[in-house]
N, C-alpha and C. Protein backbone atom coordinates (compact mmCIF):
# COMPACT_ATOMS: atom_id res chain seq x y z
N MET A 1 73.40 47.81 87.03
CA MET A 1 72.12 47.34 86.55
C MET A 1 71.22 46.97 87.74
N PHE A 2 71.78 46.34 88.76
CA PHE A 2 70.98 45.95 89.91
C PHE A 2 70.33 47.16 90.57
N TRP A 3 71.14 48.17 90.91
CA TRP A 3 70.60 49.31 91.64
C TRP A 3 69.44 49.96 90.90
N ARG A 4 69.54 50.09 89.60
CA ARG A 4 68.52 50.79 88.83
C ARG A 4 67.31 49.93 88.51
N SER A 5 67.30 48.69 88.98
CA SER A 5 66.17 47.79 88.79
C SER A 5 65.30 47.67 90.03
N VAL A 6 65.76 48.24 91.13
CA VAL A 6 65.07 48.11 92.41
C VAL A 6 64.93 49.47 93.07
N ASP A 7 64.17 49.48 94.17
CA ASP A 7 64.11 50.64 95.04
C ASP A 7 64.93 50.31 96.29
N PRO A 8 66.21 50.70 96.32
CA PRO A 8 67.06 50.33 97.45
C PRO A 8 66.77 51.13 98.72
N THR A 9 65.75 52.00 98.67
CA THR A 9 65.38 52.78 99.85
C THR A 9 64.16 52.20 100.56
N ASP A 10 63.60 51.12 100.05
CA ASP A 10 62.38 50.54 100.60
C ASP A 10 62.71 49.28 101.39
N LYS A 11 62.64 49.35 102.71
CA LYS A 11 62.98 48.22 103.57
C LYS A 11 61.86 47.18 103.65
N GLY A 12 60.63 47.56 103.26
CA GLY A 12 59.49 46.68 103.44
C GLY A 12 59.15 45.80 102.27
N GLY A 13 59.97 45.77 101.23
CA GLY A 13 59.70 44.96 100.06
C GLY A 13 59.95 45.77 98.80
N GLN A 14 59.28 45.39 97.72
CA GLN A 14 59.44 46.09 96.46
C GLN A 14 58.09 46.29 95.81
N PHE A 15 57.74 47.57 95.62
CA PHE A 15 56.53 47.94 94.90
C PHE A 15 55.31 47.31 95.57
N CYS A 16 54.47 46.52 94.90
CA CYS A 16 53.29 45.89 95.54
C CYS A 16 53.68 44.70 96.39
N ASP A 17 54.84 44.16 96.18
CA ASP A 17 55.26 42.96 96.89
C ASP A 17 55.88 43.38 98.22
N ARG A 18 55.19 43.06 99.30
CA ARG A 18 55.59 43.51 100.62
C ARG A 18 56.04 42.33 101.48
N GLY A 19 56.90 42.59 102.41
CA GLY A 19 57.37 41.58 103.33
C GLY A 19 58.85 41.29 103.16
N ASP A 20 59.41 40.62 104.17
CA ASP A 20 60.85 40.33 104.18
C ASP A 20 61.33 39.58 102.94
N SER A 21 60.52 38.67 102.43
CA SER A 21 60.98 37.87 101.28
C SER A 21 61.08 38.70 100.00
N TYR A 22 60.55 39.91 100.01
CA TYR A 22 60.63 40.79 98.84
C TYR A 22 61.61 41.93 99.03
N ALA A 23 62.25 42.00 100.18
CA ALA A 23 63.22 43.06 100.44
C ALA A 23 64.47 42.83 99.60
N THR A 24 65.11 43.91 99.19
CA THR A 24 66.32 43.78 98.39
C THR A 24 67.52 43.43 99.25
N ALA A 25 68.47 42.75 98.66
CA ALA A 25 69.75 42.42 99.29
C ALA A 25 70.71 41.99 98.18
N ILE A 26 71.97 42.17 98.45
CA ILE A 26 73.01 41.65 97.57
C ILE A 26 73.67 40.50 98.32
N PHE A 27 73.71 39.32 97.70
CA PHE A 27 74.29 38.14 98.32
C PHE A 27 75.62 37.82 97.65
N ALA A 28 76.69 37.97 98.41
CA ALA A 28 78.04 37.74 97.89
C ALA A 28 78.47 36.30 98.11
N ASN A 29 79.07 35.72 97.07
CA ASN A 29 79.55 34.34 97.15
C ASN A 29 81.02 34.22 97.52
N SER A 30 81.69 35.36 97.65
CA SER A 30 83.11 35.33 98.00
C SER A 30 83.47 36.67 98.65
N PRO A 31 84.60 36.71 99.33
CA PRO A 31 85.05 37.99 99.90
C PRO A 31 85.25 39.06 98.81
N GLU A 32 85.70 38.64 97.64
CA GLU A 32 85.90 39.59 96.54
C GLU A 32 84.56 40.19 96.10
N GLN A 33 83.54 39.36 95.94
CA GLN A 33 82.22 39.86 95.57
C GLN A 33 81.69 40.80 96.64
N GLU A 34 81.91 40.45 97.89
CA GLU A 34 81.44 41.29 98.99
C GLU A 34 82.11 42.66 98.94
N LYS A 35 83.39 42.66 98.68
CA LYS A 35 84.15 43.92 98.58
C LYS A 35 83.62 44.79 97.43
N ILE A 36 83.37 44.17 96.30
CA ILE A 36 82.84 44.90 95.14
C ILE A 36 81.46 45.46 95.44
N ALA A 37 80.61 44.64 96.06
CA ALA A 37 79.26 45.08 96.39
C ALA A 37 79.28 46.22 97.40
N GLU A 38 80.11 46.10 98.41
CA GLU A 38 80.22 47.16 99.42
C GLU A 38 80.72 48.46 98.79
N ALA A 39 81.69 48.35 97.87
CA ALA A 39 82.20 49.54 97.19
C ALA A 39 81.11 50.19 96.35
N SER A 40 80.32 49.38 95.68
CA SER A 40 79.21 49.90 94.87
C SER A 40 78.18 50.61 95.76
N LEU A 41 77.86 49.99 96.87
CA LEU A 41 76.92 50.58 97.82
C LEU A 41 77.44 51.91 98.36
N THR A 42 78.70 51.95 98.71
CA THR A 42 79.32 53.18 99.22
C THR A 42 79.30 54.27 98.17
N MET A 43 79.67 53.93 96.94
CA MET A 43 79.67 54.93 95.86
C MET A 43 78.28 55.48 95.62
N LEU A 44 77.28 54.61 95.61
CA LEU A 44 75.91 55.07 95.41
C LEU A 44 75.50 56.00 96.55
N GLY A 45 75.81 55.63 97.77
CA GLY A 45 75.47 56.47 98.91
C GLY A 45 76.11 57.84 98.85
N LYS A 46 77.36 57.89 98.45
CA LYS A 46 78.09 59.15 98.36
C LYS A 46 77.66 60.00 97.16
N SER A 47 77.05 59.37 96.17
CA SER A 47 76.69 60.09 94.94
C SER A 47 75.61 61.13 95.16
N GLY A 48 74.77 60.93 96.16
CA GLY A 48 73.67 61.85 96.40
C GLY A 48 72.52 61.70 95.44
N VAL A 49 72.54 60.67 94.61
CA VAL A 49 71.47 60.44 93.64
C VAL A 49 70.14 60.18 94.34
N LEU A 50 70.18 59.38 95.39
CA LEU A 50 68.96 59.04 96.11
C LEU A 50 68.75 60.00 97.27
N LYS A 51 67.52 60.41 97.46
CA LYS A 51 67.20 61.37 98.52
C LYS A 51 66.97 60.71 99.87
N GLN A 52 66.72 59.39 99.87
CA GLN A 52 66.49 58.65 101.10
C GLN A 52 67.67 57.70 101.34
N PRO A 53 67.84 57.26 102.57
CA PRO A 53 68.93 56.32 102.87
C PRO A 53 68.76 54.99 102.14
N ILE A 54 69.86 54.39 101.76
CA ILE A 54 69.86 53.08 101.13
C ILE A 54 69.77 52.03 102.24
N VAL A 55 68.81 51.13 102.12
CA VAL A 55 68.61 50.10 103.14
C VAL A 55 68.94 48.70 102.63
N THR A 56 69.37 48.58 101.39
CA THR A 56 69.74 47.29 100.81
C THR A 56 71.05 46.83 101.42
N PRO A 57 71.05 45.70 102.13
CA PRO A 57 72.30 45.22 102.74
C PRO A 57 73.11 44.33 101.79
N VAL A 58 74.38 44.20 102.11
CA VAL A 58 75.25 43.22 101.46
C VAL A 58 75.42 42.10 102.47
N ARG A 59 75.12 40.88 102.04
CA ARG A 59 75.17 39.72 102.94
C ARG A 59 75.98 38.60 102.31
N THR A 60 76.47 37.72 103.15
CA THR A 60 77.15 36.52 102.67
C THR A 60 76.08 35.54 102.20
N ALA A 61 76.27 35.03 101.01
CA ALA A 61 75.29 34.10 100.44
C ALA A 61 75.28 32.79 101.22
N GLY A 62 74.09 32.25 101.36
CA GLY A 62 73.92 30.94 101.99
C GLY A 62 73.44 29.97 100.94
N ALA A 63 72.72 28.99 101.37
CA ALA A 63 72.16 28.01 100.43
C ALA A 63 71.19 28.72 99.49
N PHE A 64 71.18 28.28 98.25
CA PHE A 64 70.31 28.88 97.23
C PHE A 64 69.27 27.84 96.82
N TYR A 65 68.03 28.27 96.80
CA TYR A 65 66.93 27.41 96.38
C TYR A 65 66.18 28.08 95.23
N PRO A 66 66.25 27.53 94.04
CA PRO A 66 65.55 28.14 92.91
C PRO A 66 64.04 28.20 93.17
N ALA A 67 63.41 29.24 92.67
CA ALA A 67 61.96 29.37 92.78
C ALA A 67 61.29 28.31 91.91
N GLU A 68 60.02 28.11 92.13
CA GLU A 68 59.25 27.16 91.35
C GLU A 68 59.32 27.53 89.86
N GLY A 69 59.11 26.55 89.02
CA GLY A 69 59.23 26.73 87.58
C GLY A 69 58.38 27.86 87.02
N TYR A 70 57.16 28.05 87.55
CA TYR A 70 56.30 29.11 87.00
C TYR A 70 56.82 30.50 87.31
N HIS A 71 57.77 30.62 88.25
CA HIS A 71 58.39 31.93 88.53
C HIS A 71 59.57 32.20 87.61
N GLN A 72 60.17 31.16 87.08
CA GLN A 72 61.36 31.30 86.25
C GLN A 72 61.01 32.01 84.94
N ASP A 73 61.76 33.06 84.62
CA ASP A 73 61.57 33.83 83.37
C ASP A 73 60.11 34.25 83.20
N TYR A 74 59.48 34.62 84.29
CA TYR A 74 58.06 34.98 84.27
C TYR A 74 57.76 36.05 83.23
N TYR A 75 58.65 37.04 83.13
CA TYR A 75 58.40 38.15 82.21
C TYR A 75 58.37 37.71 80.75
N THR A 76 59.04 36.59 80.41
CA THR A 76 58.99 36.11 79.03
C THR A 76 57.83 35.15 78.81
N LYS A 77 57.46 34.39 79.85
CA LYS A 77 56.36 33.44 79.75
C LYS A 77 55.00 34.12 79.82
N ASN A 78 54.94 35.24 80.53
CA ASN A 78 53.68 35.96 80.74
C ASN A 78 53.88 37.46 80.53
N PRO A 79 54.26 37.85 79.31
CA PRO A 79 54.62 39.26 79.10
C PRO A 79 53.50 40.25 79.40
N LEU A 80 52.26 39.92 79.07
CA LEU A 80 51.17 40.86 79.33
C LEU A 80 50.90 40.99 80.83
N ARG A 81 50.90 39.88 81.53
CA ARG A 81 50.69 39.93 82.98
C ARG A 81 51.82 40.69 83.66
N TYR A 82 53.04 40.46 83.20
CA TYR A 82 54.18 41.15 83.82
C TYR A 82 54.09 42.65 83.55
N LYS A 83 53.73 43.02 82.35
CA LYS A 83 53.58 44.44 82.03
C LYS A 83 52.47 45.06 82.88
N PHE A 84 51.36 44.35 83.05
CA PHE A 84 50.27 44.84 83.89
C PHE A 84 50.74 45.00 85.33
N TYR A 85 51.49 44.03 85.83
CA TYR A 85 52.05 44.12 87.18
C TYR A 85 52.90 45.38 87.33
N ARG A 86 53.80 45.59 86.39
CA ARG A 86 54.69 46.75 86.47
C ARG A 86 53.92 48.05 86.48
N LEU A 87 52.89 48.14 85.67
CA LEU A 87 52.10 49.37 85.62
C LEU A 87 51.20 49.52 86.84
N SER A 88 50.49 48.45 87.21
CA SER A 88 49.51 48.55 88.30
C SER A 88 50.18 48.72 89.66
N CYS A 89 51.39 48.23 89.83
CA CYS A 89 52.09 48.37 91.10
C CYS A 89 52.90 49.66 91.19
N GLY A 90 52.95 50.38 90.11
CA GLY A 90 53.73 51.61 90.11
C GLY A 90 55.22 51.39 90.03
N ARG A 91 55.63 50.20 89.64
CA ARG A 91 57.05 49.87 89.58
C ARG A 91 57.81 50.82 88.66
N ASP A 92 57.35 50.93 87.43
CA ASP A 92 58.08 51.76 86.46
C ASP A 92 58.10 53.23 86.88
N ALA A 93 56.97 53.70 87.42
CA ALA A 93 56.91 55.09 87.87
C ALA A 93 57.89 55.33 89.02
N ARG A 94 57.98 54.39 89.95
CA ARG A 94 58.89 54.55 91.09
C ARG A 94 60.34 54.48 90.63
N ILE A 95 60.65 53.57 89.73
CA ILE A 95 62.02 53.48 89.21
C ILE A 95 62.39 54.80 88.51
N LYS A 96 61.47 55.34 87.73
CA LYS A 96 61.73 56.60 87.04
C LYS A 96 61.90 57.74 88.04
N GLU A 97 61.08 57.74 89.09
CA GLU A 97 61.19 58.77 90.13
C GLU A 97 62.56 58.70 90.80
N LEU A 98 63.02 57.50 91.10
CA LEU A 98 64.31 57.33 91.77
C LEU A 98 65.50 57.63 90.87
N TRP A 99 65.46 57.09 89.67
CA TRP A 99 66.65 57.06 88.82
C TRP A 99 66.58 57.96 87.59
N GLY A 100 65.41 58.49 87.27
CA GLY A 100 65.27 59.33 86.09
C GLY A 100 64.83 58.56 84.87
N ALA A 101 64.60 59.29 83.80
CA ALA A 101 64.04 58.71 82.57
C ALA A 101 64.97 57.67 81.93
N GLU A 102 66.25 57.75 82.16
CA GLU A 102 67.20 56.84 81.53
C GLU A 102 67.41 55.55 82.32
N ALA A 103 66.68 55.39 83.40
CA ALA A 103 66.92 54.27 84.32
C ALA A 103 66.86 52.91 83.65
N HIS A 104 65.96 52.69 82.74
CA HIS A 104 65.76 51.34 82.19
C HIS A 104 66.40 51.14 80.83
N LYS A 105 67.19 52.06 80.38
CA LYS A 105 67.82 51.89 79.08
C LYS A 105 68.61 50.59 79.04
N GLY A 106 68.20 49.68 78.19
CA GLY A 106 68.89 48.41 78.04
C GLY A 106 68.40 47.31 78.97
N ILE A 107 67.52 47.64 79.93
CA ILE A 107 67.04 46.60 80.85
C ILE A 107 65.52 46.65 80.94
N GLU A 108 64.87 47.05 79.89
CA GLU A 108 63.42 47.21 79.90
C GLU A 108 62.66 45.95 80.26
N LYS A 109 63.18 44.80 79.95
CA LYS A 109 62.47 43.53 80.16
C LYS A 109 62.46 43.12 81.62
N HIS A 110 63.42 43.52 82.41
CA HIS A 110 63.56 43.02 83.78
C HIS A 110 62.89 43.92 84.78
């Protein structure tokens, strides 16, 4: 679900959101999680699904700081704004380009 929700080939951020704080990463909380994430990353790389190199790293999780309240569940609190964001930033088009028409089956809200 994670891979098909992001552009793991974009090192500069995601869609309209640019900069290091918007770059994708997988943060593992244990050696087991890290192993699973690395295996997933390796399988995706070997699959040949993506035409560009995957730049999403697997990192050891550090301290976690929740975002401000207005960011929490933004897509449910502001569904029209979120839909506009997805369309105006080309998010859905890019996800479809990367993963195909079936990319969002079951995860349309996120």
